[in-house]
Amino acid sequence: MSKPKIFSHAGEGEWTLTPDGNRRRVLLHTDELMLVEFGFDRGGVGALHSHPHVQASYVAEGRFEVTIDGHTDVLEMGGSFIVPSNLVHGVKALEAGRLVDSFTPHRADFLD
């Protein structure tokens, strides 16, 4: 693993384009936990997928349609959700917005 990052200041970090056309930047990470900011344009989709990591997400800006294990809800700024390990989930940005996601353990694929 790369060296842990335990402090982050506003605006730090490089945005990386995601395979589904959105963007992300890793804010903080250790072996056990990772914090990542995702940016979406209106209509942007985080395609349905699953992973072994437990994920907790906070809607920092905008409105999102969130689907987890076949159940869908609309969350806006200040809302949050948890995705247990291996459940299929995805989002659609109903307006431009940002999600702040935590993953345990860290997502090694986001550090490459």
PDB file of N, CA and C in Angstrom:
ATOM      1  N   MET A   1       0.830  -1.193   0.000  1.00  0.00           N
ATOM      2  CA  MET A   1       0.000   0.000   0.000  1.00  0.00           C
ATOM      3  C   MET A   1       0.865   1.244   0.000  1.00  0.00           C
ATOM      4  N   SER A   2       0.336   2.320  -0.576  1.00  0.00           N
ATOM      5  CA  SER A   2       1.066   3.578  -0.530  1.00  0.00           C
ATOM      6  C   SER A   2       1.006   4.148   0.887  1.00  0.00           C
ATOM      7  N   LYS A   3       1.806   5.141   1.137  1.00  0.00           N
ATOM      8  CA  LYS A   3       1.867   5.760   2.461  1.00  0.00           C
ATOM      9  C   LYS A   3       0.492   6.302   2.848  1.00  0.00           C
ATOM     10  N   PRO A   4       0.027   6.033   4.095  1.00  0.00           N
ATOM     11  CA  PRO A   4      -1.280   6.556   4.517  1.00  0.00           C
ATOM     12  C   PRO A   4      -1.322   8.076   4.435  1.00  0.00           C
ATOM     13  N   LYS A   5      -2.489   8.603   4.105  1.00  0.00           N
ATOM     14  CA  LYS A   5      -2.711  10.054   4.092  1.00  0.00           C
ATOM     15  C   LYS A   5      -3.750  10.329   5.159  1.00  0.00           C
ATOM     16  N   ILE A   6      -3.386  11.093   6.192  1.00  0.00           N
ATOM     17  CA  ILE A   6      -4.284  11.262   7.324  1.00  0.00           C
ATOM     18  C   ILE A   6      -4.803  12.684   7.511  1.00  0.00           C
ATOM     19  N   PHE A   7      -4.363  13.630   6.705  1.00  0.00           N
ATOM     20  CA  PHE A   7      -4.909  14.982   6.715  1.00  0.00           C
ATOM     21  C   PHE A   7      -5.245  15.382   5.285  1.00  0.00           C
ATOM     22  N   SER A   8      -6.307  16.153   5.136  1.00  0.00           N
ATOM     23  CA  SER A   8      -6.680  16.664   3.820  1.00  0.00           C
ATOM     24  C   SER A   8      -7.222  18.071   3.975  1.00  0.00           C
ATOM     25  N   HIS A   9      -6.801  18.958   3.092  1.00  0.00           N
ATOM     26  CA  HIS A   9      -7.274  20.342   3.097  1.00  0.00           C
ATOM     27  C   HIS A   9      -8.186  20.564   1.901  1.00  0.00           C
ATOM     28  N   ALA A  10      -9.114  21.496   2.043  1.00  0.00           N
ATOM     29  CA  ALA A  10     -10.078  21.793   0.974  1.00  0.00           C
ATOM     30  C   ALA A  10      -9.357  22.022  -0.345  1.00  0.00           C
ATOM     31  N   GLY A  11      -9.852  21.378  -1.395  1.00  0.00           N
ATOM     32  CA  GLY A  11      -9.304  21.563  -2.733  1.00  0.00           C
ATOM     33  C   GLY A  11      -8.072  20.740  -3.043  1.00  0.00           C
ATOM     34  N   GLU A  12      -7.553  20.001  -2.071  1.00  0.00           N
ATOM     35  CA  GLU A  12      -6.378  19.162  -2.312  1.00  0.00           C
ATOM     36  C   GLU A  12      -6.731  17.952  -3.145  1.00  0.00           C
ATOM     37  N   GLY A  13      -5.762  17.429  -3.809  1.00  0.00           N
ATOM     38  CA  GLY A  13      -5.939  16.175  -4.539  1.00  0.00           C
ATOM     39  C   GLY A  13      -6.348  16.388  -5.972  1.00  0.00           C
ATOM     40  N   GLU A  14      -5.888  15.473  -6.801  1.00  0.00           N
ATOM     41  CA  GLU A  14      -6.189  15.515  -8.233  1.00  0.00           C
ATOM     42  C   GLU A  14      -7.480  14.775  -8.529  1.00  0.00           C
ATOM     43  N   TRP A  15      -8.311  15.359  -9.369  1.00  0.00           N
ATOM     44  CA  TRP A  15      -9.507  14.667  -9.837  1.00  0.00           C
ATOM     45  C   TRP A  15      -9.094  13.652 -10.902  1.00  0.00           C
ATOM     46  N   THR A  16      -9.676  12.477 -10.830  1.00  0.00           N
ATOM     47  CA  THR A  16      -9.461  11.406 -11.795  1.00  0.00           C
ATOM     48  C   THR A  16     -10.789  11.103 -12.458  1.00  0.00           C
ATOM     49  N   LEU A  17     -10.791  10.950 -13.775  1.00  0.00           N
ATOM     50  CA  LEU A  17     -12.018  10.557 -14.458  1.00  0.00           C
ATOM     51  C   LEU A  17     -12.321   9.102 -14.156  1.00  0.00           C
ATOM     52  N   THR A  18     -13.595   8.809 -13.908  1.00  0.00           N
ATOM     53  CA  THR A  18     -14.014   7.437 -13.636  1.00  0.00           C
ATOM     54  C   THR A  18     -14.450   6.787 -14.942  1.00  0.00           C
ATOM     55  N   PRO A  19     -14.479   5.458 -14.998  1.00  0.00           N
ATOM     56  CA  PRO A  19     -14.882   4.776 -16.236  1.00  0.00           C
ATOM     57  C   PRO A  19     -16.287   5.160 -16.715  1.00  0.00           C
ATOM     58  N   ASP A  20     -17.169   5.578 -15.782  1.00  0.00           N
ATOM     59  CA  ASP A  20     -18.532   5.939 -16.176  1.00  0.00           C
ATOM     60  C   ASP A  20     -18.701   7.433 -16.448  1.00  0.00           C
ATOM     61  N   GLY A  21     -17.591   8.176 -16.581  1.00  0.00           N
ATOM     62  CA  GLY A  21     -17.650   9.567 -17.014  1.00  0.00           C
ATOM     63  C   GLY A  21     -17.796  10.596 -15.915  1.00  0.00           C
ATOM     64  N   ASN A  22     -17.652  10.191 -14.676  1.00  0.00           N
ATOM     65  CA  ASN A  22     -17.701  11.129 -13.558  1.00  0.00           C
ATOM     66  C   ASN A  22     -16.271  11.421 -13.118  1.00  0.00           C
ATOM     67  N   ARG A  23     -16.076  11.919 -11.916  1.00  0.00           N
ATOM     68  CA  ARG A  23     -14.722  12.192 -11.435  1.00  0.00           C
ATOM     69  C   ARG A  23     -14.638  11.884  -9.940  1.00  0.00           C
ATOM     70  N   ARG A  24     -13.434  11.542  -9.504  1.00  0.00           N
ATOM     71  CA  ARG A  24     -13.215  11.245  -8.085  1.00  0.00           C
ATOM     72  C   ARG A  24     -11.851  11.752  -7.673  1.00  0.00           C
ATOM     73  N   ARG A  25     -11.733  11.986  -6.370  1.00  0.00           N
ATOM     74  CA  ARG A  25     -10.412  12.252  -5.786  1.00  0.00           C
ATOM     75  C   ARG A  25     -10.362  11.632  -4.403  1.00  0.00           C
ATOM     76  N   VAL A  26      -9.276  10.936  -4.156  1.00  0.00           N
ATOM     77  CA  VAL A  26      -9.054  10.318  -2.854  1.00  0.00           C
ATOM     78  C   VAL A  26      -8.658  11.421  -1.891  1.00  0.00           C
ATOM     79  N   LEU A  27      -9.393  11.524  -0.787  1.00  0.00           N
ATOM     80  CA  LEU A  27      -9.104  12.551   0.211  1.00  0.00           C
ATOM     81  C   LEU A  27      -8.143  12.038   1.275  1.00  0.00           C
ATOM     82  N   LEU A  28      -8.461  10.872   1.852  1.00  0.00           N
ATOM     83  CA  LEU A  28      -7.661  10.294   2.925  1.00  0.00           C
ATOM     84  C   LEU A  28      -7.665   8.781   2.795  1.00  0.00           C
ATOM     85  N   HIS A  29      -6.633   8.121   3.326  1.00  0.00           N
ATOM     86  CA  HIS A  29      -6.654   6.668   3.323  1.00  0.00           C
ATOM     87  C   HIS A  29      -5.632   6.076   4.279  1.00  0.00           C
ATOM     88  N   THR A  30      -6.022   4.958   4.854  1.00  0.00           N
ATOM     89  CA  THR A  30      -5.142   4.061   5.591  1.00  0.00           C
ATOM     90  C   THR A  30      -5.458   2.670   5.049  1.00  0.00           C
ATOM     91  N   ASP A  31      -4.845   1.636   5.596  1.00  0.00           N
ATOM     92  CA  ASP A  31      -5.185   0.275   5.177  1.00  0.00           C
ATOM     93  C   ASP A  31      -6.648  -0.042   5.466  1.00  0.00           C
ATOM     94  N   GLU A  32      -7.165   0.481   6.571  1.00  0.00           N
ATOM     95  CA  GLU A  32      -8.493   0.112   7.047  1.00  0.00           C
ATOM     96  C   GLU A  32      -9.622   0.978   6.513  1.00  0.00           C
ATOM     97  N   LEU A  33      -9.335   2.212   6.098  1.00  0.00           N
ATOM     98  CA  LEU A  33     -10.402   3.160   5.772  1.00  0.00           C
ATOM     99  C   LEU A  33      -9.953   4.131   4.695  1.00  0.00           C
ATOM    100  N   MET A  34     -10.901   4.516   3.843  1.00  0.00           N
ATOM    101  CA  MET A  34     -10.609   5.470   2.768  1.00  0.00           C
ATOM    102  C   MET A  34     -11.773   6.445   2.633  1.00  0.00           C
ATOM    103  N   LEU A  35     -11.471   7.716   2.374  1.00  0.00           N
ATOM    104  CA  LEU A  35     -12.474   8.744   2.132  1.00  0.00           C
ATOM    105  C   LEU A  35     -12.244   9.306   0.732  1.00  0.00           C
ATOM    106  N   VAL A  36     -13.313   9.277  -0.097  1.00  0.00           N
ATOM    107  CA  VAL A  36     -13.204   9.656  -1.506  1.00  0.00           C
ATOM    108  C   VAL A  36     -14.348  10.600  -1.866  1.00  0.00           C
ATOM    109  N   GLU A  37     -14.048  11.661  -2.591  1.00  0.00           N
ATOM    110  CA  GLU A  37     -15.066  12.592  -3.087  1.00  0.00           C
ATOM    111  C   GLU A  37     -15.342  12.280  -4.560  1.00  0.00           C
ATOM    112  N   PHE A  38     -16.619  12.177  -4.904  1.00  0.00           N
ATOM    113  CA  PHE A  38     -17.046  11.946  -6.282  1.00  0.00           C
ATOM    114  C   PHE A  38     -17.823  13.151  -6.763  1.00  0.00           C
ATOM    115  N   GLY A  39     -17.559  13.604  -7.977  1.00  0.00           N
ATOM    116  CA  GLY A  39     -18.296  14.703  -8.590  1.00  0.00           C
ATOM    117  C   GLY A  39     -19.094  14.215  -9.780  1.00  0.00           C
ATOM    118  N   PHE A  40     -20.338  14.682  -9.896  1.00  0.00           N
ATOM    119  CA  PHE A  40     -21.248  14.283 -10.963  1.00  0.00           C
ATOM    120  C   PHE A  40     -21.852  15.504 -11.622  1.00  0.00           C
ATOM    121  N   ASP A  41     -21.946  15.490 -12.934  1.00  0.00           N
ATOM    122  CA  ASP A  41     -22.749  16.463 -13.651  1.00  0.00           C
ATOM    123  C   ASP A  41     -24.188  15.985 -13.602  1.00  0.00           C
ATOM    124  N   ARG A  42     -25.128  16.886 -13.876  1.00  0.00           N
ATOM    125  CA  ARG A  42     -26.533  16.487 -13.919  1.00  0.00           C
ATOM    126  C   ARG A  42     -26.706  15.336 -14.917  1.00  0.00           C
ATOM    127  N   GLY A  43     -27.412  14.302 -14.499  1.00  0.00           N
ATOM    128  CA  GLY A  43     -27.624  13.137 -15.351  1.00  0.00           C
ATOM    129  C   GLY A  43     -26.517  12.106 -15.276  1.00  0.00           C
ATOM    130  N   GLY A  44     -25.429  12.429 -14.579  1.00  0.00           N
ATOM    131  CA  GLY A  44     -24.320  11.480 -14.443  1.00  0.00           C
ATOM    132  C   GLY A  44     -24.760  10.229 -13.706  1.00  0.00           C
ATOM    133  N   VAL A  45     -24.237   9.098 -14.131  1.00  0.00           N
ATOM    134  CA  VAL A  45     -24.620   7.813 -13.557  1.00  0.00           C
ATOM    135  C   VAL A  45     -23.395   7.116 -12.983  1.00  0.00           C
ATOM    136  N   GLY A  46     -23.542   6.645 -11.766  1.00  0.00           N
ATOM    137  CA  GLY A  46     -22.590   5.703 -11.184  1.00  0.00           C
ATOM    138  C   GLY A  46     -23.203   4.333 -11.422  1.00  0.00           C
ATOM    139  N   ALA A  47     -22.726   3.634 -12.431  1.00  0.00           N
ATOM    140  CA  ALA A  47     -23.345   2.389 -12.896  1.00  0.00           C
ATOM    141  C   ALA A  47     -23.480   1.363 -11.773  1.00  0.00           C
ATOM    142  N   LEU A  48     -24.511   0.531 -11.878  1.00  0.00           N
ATOM    143  CA  LEU A  48     -24.716  -0.538 -10.902  1.00  0.00           C
ATOM    144  C   LEU A  48     -23.467  -1.422 -10.833  1.00  0.00           C
ATOM    145  N   HIS A  49     -23.012  -1.700  -9.623  1.00  0.00           N
ATOM    146  CA  HIS A  49     -21.823  -2.509  -9.408  1.00  0.00           C
ATOM    147  C   HIS A  49     -21.840  -3.036  -7.974  1.00  0.00           C
ATOM    148  N   SER A  50     -20.887  -3.880  -7.652  1.00  0.00           N
ATOM    149  CA  SER A  50     -20.719  -4.341  -6.270  1.00  0.00           C
ATOM    150  C   SER A  50     -19.232  -4.488  -5.987  1.00  0.00           C
ATOM    151  N   HIS A  51     -18.886  -4.510  -4.716  1.00  0.00           N
ATOM    152  CA  HIS A  51     -17.507  -4.710  -4.277  1.00  0.00           C
ATOM    153  C   HIS A  51     -17.531  -5.234  -2.849  1.00  0.00           C
ATOM    154  N   PRO A  52     -16.445  -5.848  -2.406  1.00  0.00           N
ATOM    155  CA  PRO A  52     -16.436  -6.431  -1.059  1.00  0.00           C
ATOM    156  C   PRO A  52     -16.339  -5.403   0.068  1.00  0.00           C
ATOM    157  N   HIS A  53     -16.033  -4.160  -0.267  1.00  0.00           N
ATOM    158  CA  HIS A  53     -15.874  -3.111   0.743  1.00  0.00           C
ATOM    159  C   HIS A  53     -17.236  -2.663   1.272  1.00  0.00           C
ATOM    160  N   VAL A  54     -17.327  -2.345   2.549  1.00  0.00           N
ATOM    161  CA  VAL A  54     -18.491  -1.662   3.089  1.00  0.00           C
ATOM    162  C   VAL A  54     -18.315  -0.191   2.752  1.00  0.00           C
ATOM    163  N   GLN A  55     -19.402   0.440   2.306  1.00  0.00           N
ATOM    164  CA  GLN A  55     -19.347   1.832   1.858  1.00  0.00           C
ATOM    165  C   GLN A  55     -20.390   2.647   2.614  1.00  0.00           C
ATOM    166  N   ALA A  56     -20.005   3.812   3.095  1.00  0.00           N
ATOM    167  CA  ALA A  56     -20.940   4.788   3.654  1.00  0.00           C
ATOM    168  C   ALA A  56     -20.768   6.062   2.844  1.00  0.00           C
ATOM    169  N   SER A  57     -21.885   6.672   2.437  1.00  0.00           N
ATOM    170  CA  SER A  57     -21.833   7.840   1.550  1.00  0.00           C
ATOM    171  C   SER A  57     -22.658   8.989   2.109  1.00  0.00           C
ATOM    172  N   TYR A  58     -22.159  10.192   1.900  1.00  0.00           N
ATOM    173  CA  TYR A  58     -22.810  11.433   2.334  1.00  0.00           C
ATOM    174  C   TYR A  58     -23.029  12.313   1.112  1.00  0.00           C
ATOM    175  N   VAL A  59     -24.238  12.827   0.948  1.00  0.00           N
ATOM    176  CA  VAL A  59     -24.541  13.728  -0.172  1.00  0.00           C
ATOM    177  C   VAL A  59     -24.102  15.131   0.241  1.00  0.00           C
ATOM    178  N   ALA A  60     -22.960  15.561  -0.281  1.00  0.00           N
ATOM    179  CA  ALA A  60     -22.407  16.872   0.065  1.00  0.00           C
ATOM    180  C   ALA A  60     -23.058  18.000  -0.725  1.00  0.00           C
ATOM    181  N   GLU A  61     -23.594  17.656  -1.899  1.00  0.00           N
ATOM    182  CA  GLU A  61     -24.203  18.665  -2.769  1.00  0.00           C
ATOM    183  C   GLU A  61     -25.080  17.943  -3.783  1.00  0.00           C
ATOM    184  N   GLY A  62     -26.229  18.513  -4.131  1.00  0.00           N
ATOM    185  CA  GLY A  62     -27.068  17.981  -5.191  1.00  0.00           C
ATOM    186  C   GLY A  62     -28.141  17.016  -4.709  1.00  0.00           C
ATOM    187  N   ARG A  63     -28.751  16.328  -5.678  1.00  0.00           N
ATOM    188  CA  ARG A  63     -29.783  15.315  -5.434  1.00  0.00           C
ATOM    189  C   ARG A  63     -29.446  14.077  -6.247  1.00  0.00           C
ATOM    190  N   PHE A  64     -29.590  12.910  -5.631  1.00  0.00           N
ATOM    191  CA  PHE A  64     -29.224  11.656  -6.270  1.00  0.00           C
ATOM    192  C   PHE A  64     -30.328  10.624  -6.101  1.00  0.00           C
ATOM    193  N   GLU A  65     -30.559   9.871  -7.150  1.00  0.00           N
ATOM    194  CA  GLU A  65     -31.367   8.671  -7.070  1.00  0.00           C
ATOM    195  C   GLU A  65     -30.390   7.547  -6.738  1.00  0.00           C
ATOM    196  N   VAL A  66     -30.602   6.890  -5.610  1.00  0.00           N
ATOM    197  CA  VAL A  66     -29.675   5.872  -5.117  1.00  0.00           C
ATOM    198  C   VAL A  66     -30.391   4.523  -5.112  1.00  0.00           C
ATOM    199  N   THR A  67     -29.774   3.524  -5.726  1.00  0.00           N
ATOM    200  CA  THR A  67     -30.324   2.175  -5.732  1.00  0.00           C
ATOM    201  C   THR A  67     -29.353   1.235  -5.031  1.00  0.00           C
ATOM    202  N   ILE A  68     -29.883   0.491  -4.042  1.00  0.00           N
ATOM    203  CA  ILE A  68     -29.091  -0.486  -3.303  1.00  0.00           C
ATOM    204  C   ILE A  68     -29.903  -1.765  -3.220  1.00  0.00           C
ATOM    205  N   ASP A  69     -29.368  -2.836  -3.775  1.00  0.00           N
ATOM    206  CA  ASP A  69     -30.000  -4.154  -3.708  1.00  0.00           C
ATOM    207  C   ASP A  69     -31.450  -4.110  -4.208  1.00  0.00           C
ATOM    208  N   GLY A  70     -31.676  -3.356  -5.297  1.00  0.00           N
ATOM    209  CA  GLY A  70     -32.995  -3.274  -5.913  1.00  0.00           C
ATOM    210  C   GLY A  70     -33.939  -2.264  -5.297  1.00  0.00           C
ATOM    211  N   HIS A  71     -33.544  -1.595  -4.227  1.00  0.00           N
ATOM    212  CA  HIS A  71     -34.376  -0.575  -3.582  1.00  0.00           C
ATOM    213  C   HIS A  71     -33.841   0.801  -3.950  1.00  0.00           C
ATOM    214  N   THR A  72     -34.740   1.719  -4.333  1.00  0.00           N
ATOM    215  CA  THR A  72     -34.332   3.048  -4.797  1.00  0.00           C
ATOM    216  C   THR A  72     -34.941   4.127  -3.914  1.00  0.00           C
ATOM    217  N   ASP A  73     -34.158   5.151  -3.620  1.00  0.00           N
ATOM    218  CA  ASP A  73     -34.614   6.315  -2.866  1.00  0.00           C
ATOM    219  C   ASP A  73     -33.933   7.541  -3.461  1.00  0.00           C
ATOM    220  N   VAL A  74     -34.509   8.701  -3.245  1.00  0.00           N
ATOM    221  CA  VAL A  74     -33.904   9.961  -3.680  1.00  0.00           C
ATOM    222  C   VAL A  74     -33.373  10.665  -2.441  1.00  0.00           C
ATOM    223  N   LEU A  75     -32.086  11.013  -2.486  1.00  0.00           N
ATOM    224  CA  LEU A  75     -31.437  11.707  -1.375  1.00  0.00           C
ATOM    225  C   LEU A  75     -30.886  13.033  -1.868  1.00  0.00           C
ATOM    226  N   GLU A  76     -30.969  14.031  -1.001  1.00  0.00           N
ATOM    227  CA  GLU A  76     -30.435  15.355  -1.345  1.00  0.00           C
ATOM    228  C   GLU A  76     -29.376  15.749  -0.331  1.00  0.00           C
ATOM    229  N   MET A  77     -28.812  16.939  -0.514  1.00  0.00           N
ATOM    230  CA  MET A  77     -27.727  17.418   0.338  1.00  0.00           C
ATOM    231  C   MET A  77     -28.050  17.166   1.810  1.00  0.00           C
ATOM    232  N   GLY A  78     -27.103  16.549   2.503  1.00  0.00           N
ATOM    233  CA  GLY A  78     -27.267  16.218   3.911  1.00  0.00           C
ATOM    234  C   GLY A  78     -27.728  14.789   4.138  1.00  0.00           C
ATOM    235  N   GLY A  79     -28.204  14.111   3.090  1.00  0.00           N
ATOM    236  CA  GLY A  79     -28.618  12.714   3.207  1.00  0.00           C
ATOM    237  C   GLY A  79     -27.421  11.787   3.157  1.00  0.00           C
ATOM    238  N   SER A  80     -27.649  10.536   3.526  1.00  0.00           N
ATOM    239  CA  SER A  80     -26.556   9.565   3.517  1.00  0.00           C
ATOM    240  C   SER A  80     -27.105   8.154   3.346  1.00  0.00           C
ATOM    241  N   PHE A  81     -26.213   7.231   3.016  1.00  0.00           N
ATOM    242  CA  PHE A  81     -26.593   5.833   2.850  1.00  0.00           C
ATOM    243  C   PHE A  81     -25.402   4.930   3.110  1.00  0.00           C
ATOM    244  N   ILE A  82     -25.700   3.663   3.439  1.00  0.00           N
ATOM    245  CA  ILE A  82     -24.673   2.644   3.639  1.00  0.00           C
ATOM    246  C   ILE A  82     -24.921   1.512   2.656  1.00  0.00           C
ATOM    247  N   VAL A  83     -23.837   1.002   2.078  1.00  0.00           N
ATOM    248  CA  VAL A  83     -23.905  -0.157   1.190  1.00  0.00           C
ATOM    249  C   VAL A  83     -23.128  -1.297   1.851  1.00  0.00           C
ATOM    250  N   PRO A  84     -23.838  -2.322   2.359  1.00  0.00           N
ATOM    251  CA  PRO A  84     -23.130  -3.474   2.913  1.00  0.00           C
ATOM    252  C   PRO A  84     -22.311  -4.193   1.835  1.00  0.00           C
ATOM    253  N   SER A  85     -21.358  -4.948   2.266  1.00  0.00           N
ATOM    254  CA  SER A  85     -20.452  -5.677   1.382  1.00  0.00           C
ATOM    255  C   SER A  85     -21.200  -6.488   0.331  1.00  0.00           C
ATOM    256  N   ASN A  86     -20.742  -6.364  -0.909  1.00  0.00           N
ATOM    257  CA  ASN A  86     -21.189  -7.159  -2.064  1.00  0.00           C
ATOM    258  C   ASN A  86     -22.609  -6.882  -2.561  1.00  0.00           C
ATOM    259  N   LEU A  87     -23.319  -5.878  -2.050  1.00  0.00           N
ATOM    260  CA  LEU A  87     -24.639  -5.559  -2.588  1.00  0.00           C
ATOM    261  C   LEU A  87     -24.501  -4.713  -3.852  1.00  0.00           C
ATOM    262  N   VAL A  88     -25.349  -4.983  -4.839  1.00  0.00           N
ATOM    263  CA  VAL A  88     -25.342  -4.212  -6.080  1.00  0.00           C
ATOM    264  C   VAL A  88     -25.937  -2.840  -5.784  1.00  0.00           C
ATOM    265  N   HIS A  89     -25.240  -1.791  -6.240  1.00  0.00           N
ATOM    266  CA  HIS A  89     -25.682  -0.421  -5.980  1.00  0.00           C
ATOM    267  C   HIS A  89     -25.213   0.512  -7.083  1.00  0.00           C
ATOM    268  N   GLY A  90     -25.861   1.675  -7.176  1.00  0.00           N
ATOM    269  CA  GLY A  90     -25.494   2.688  -8.144  1.00  0.00           C
ATOM    270  C   GLY A  90     -26.269   3.966  -7.866  1.00  0.00           C
ATOM    271  N   VAL A  91     -25.892   5.039  -8.557  1.00  0.00           N
ATOM    272  CA  VAL A  91     -26.551   6.331  -8.372  1.00  0.00           C
ATOM    273  C   VAL A  91     -26.792   7.010  -9.707  1.00  0.00           C
ATOM    274  N   LYS A  92     -27.734   7.939  -9.708  1.00  0.00           N
ATOM    275  CA  LYS A  92     -27.949   8.846 -10.830  1.00  0.00           C
ATOM    276  C   LYS A  92     -28.087  10.242 -10.261  1.00  0.00           C
ATOM    277  N   ALA A  93     -27.321  11.187 -10.812  1.00  0.00           N
ATOM    278  CA  ALA A  93     -27.368  12.573 -10.351  1.00  0.00           C
ATOM    279  C   ALA A  93     -28.574  13.272 -10.980  1.00  0.00           C
ATOM    280  N   LEU A  94     -29.545  13.635 -10.148  1.00  0.00           N
ATOM    281  CA  LEU A  94     -30.725  14.354 -10.635  1.00  0.00           C
ATOM    282  C   LEU A  94     -30.405  15.819 -10.875  1.00  0.00           C
ATOM    283  N   GLU A  95     -29.324  16.271 -10.281  1.00  0.00           N
ATOM    284  CA  GLU A  95     -28.729  17.588 -10.545  1.00  0.00           C
ATOM    285  C   GLU A  95     -27.247  17.447 -10.252  1.00  0.00           C
ATOM    286  N   ALA A  96     -26.457  18.401 -10.678  1.00  0.00           N
ATOM    287  CA  ALA A  96     -25.018  18.326 -10.421  1.00  0.00           C
ATOM    288  C   ALA A  96     -24.787  18.190  -8.923  1.00  0.00           C
ATOM    289  N   GLY A  97     -23.810  17.371  -8.545  1.00  0.00           N
ATOM    290  CA  GLY A  97     -23.584  17.191  -7.125  1.00  0.00           C
ATOM    291  C   GLY A  97     -22.316  16.436  -6.799  1.00  0.00           C
ATOM    292  N   ARG A  98     -22.135  16.243  -5.490  1.00  0.00           N
ATOM    293  CA  ARG A  98     -20.945  15.554  -4.981  1.00  0.00           C
ATOM    294  C   ARG A  98     -21.356  14.564  -3.896  1.00  0.00           C
ATOM    295  N   LEU A  99     -20.722  13.413  -3.907  1.00  0.00           N
ATOM    296  CA  LEU A  99     -20.850  12.422  -2.843  1.00  0.00           C
ATOM    297  C   LEU A  99     -19.491  12.278  -2.163  1.00  0.00           C
ATOM    298  N   VAL A 100     -19.505  12.115  -0.856  1.00  0.00           N
ATOM    299  CA  VAL A 100     -18.286  11.800  -0.120  1.00  0.00           C
ATOM    300  C   VAL A 100     -18.480  10.393   0.419  1.00  0.00           C
ATOM    301  N   ASP A 101     -17.662   9.457  -0.084  1.00  0.00           N
ATOM    302  CA  ASP A 101     -17.793   8.041   0.228  1.00  0.00           C
ATOM    303  C   ASP A 101     -16.643   7.586   1.117  1.00  0.00           C
ATOM    304  N   SER A 102     -16.968   6.733   2.083  1.00  0.00           N
ATOM    305  CA  SER A 102     -15.930   6.060   2.859  1.00  0.00           C
ATOM    306  C   SER A 102     -16.005   4.574   2.544  1.00  0.00           C
ATOM    307  N   PHE A 103     -14.858   3.938   2.530  1.00  0.00           N
ATOM    308  CA  PHE A 103     -14.759   2.512   2.219  1.00  0.00           C
ATOM    309  C   PHE A 103     -13.897   1.831   3.274  1.00  0.00           C
ATOM    310  N   THR A 104     -14.348   0.663   3.706  1.00  0.00           N
ATOM    311  CA  THR A 104     -13.533  -0.151   4.590  1.00  0.00           C
ATOM    312  C   THR A 104     -13.557  -1.588   4.096  1.00  0.00           C
ATOM    313  N   PRO A 105     -12.393  -2.209   3.915  1.00  0.00           N
ATOM    314  CA  PRO A 105     -11.077  -1.580   3.932  1.00  0.00           C
ATOM    315  C   PRO A 105     -10.923  -0.620   2.745  1.00  0.00           C
ATOM    316  N   HIS A 106      -9.752  -0.013   2.632  1.00  0.00           N
ATOM    317  CA  HIS A 106      -9.511   0.952   1.553  1.00  0.00           C
ATOM    318  C   HIS A 106      -9.661   0.294   0.175  1.00  0.00           C
ATOM    319  N   ARG A 107      -9.921   1.107  -0.839  1.00  0.00           N
ATOM    320  CA  ARG A 107     -10.010   0.645  -2.230  1.00  0.00           C
ATOM    321  C   ARG A 107      -8.635   0.787  -2.878  1.00  0.00           C
ATOM    322  N   ALA A 108      -7.884  -0.288  -2.887  1.00  0.00           N
ATOM    323  CA  ALA A 108      -6.538  -0.252  -3.481  1.00  0.00           C
ATOM    324  C   ALA A 108      -6.602   0.160  -4.947  1.00  0.00           C
ATOM    325  N   ASP A 109      -7.698  -0.188  -5.644  1.00  0.00           N
ATOM    326  CA  ASP A 109      -7.816   0.165  -7.057  1.00  0.00           C
ATOM    327  C   ASP A 109      -7.912   1.670  -7.271  1.00  0.00           C
ATOM    328  N   PHE A 110      -8.251   2.444  -6.259  1.00  0.00           N
ATOM    329  CA  PHE A 110      -8.324   3.901  -6.378  1.00  0.00           C
ATOM    330  C   PHE A 110      -6.965   4.558  -6.157  1.00  0.00           C
ATOM    331  N   LEU A 111      -5.979   3.811  -5.719  1.00  0.00           N
ATOM    332  CA  LEU A 111      -4.662   4.380  -5.438  1.00  0.00           C
ATOM    333  C   LEU A 111      -3.680   4.189  -6.577  1.00  0.00           C
ATOM    334  N   ASP A 112      -4.064   3.457  -7.594  1.00  0.00           N
ATOM    335  CA  ASP A 112      -3.157   3.206  -8.727  1.00  0.00           C
ATOM    336  C   ASP A 112      -3.254   4.287  -9.769  1.00  0.00           C
TER     337      ASP A 112
END
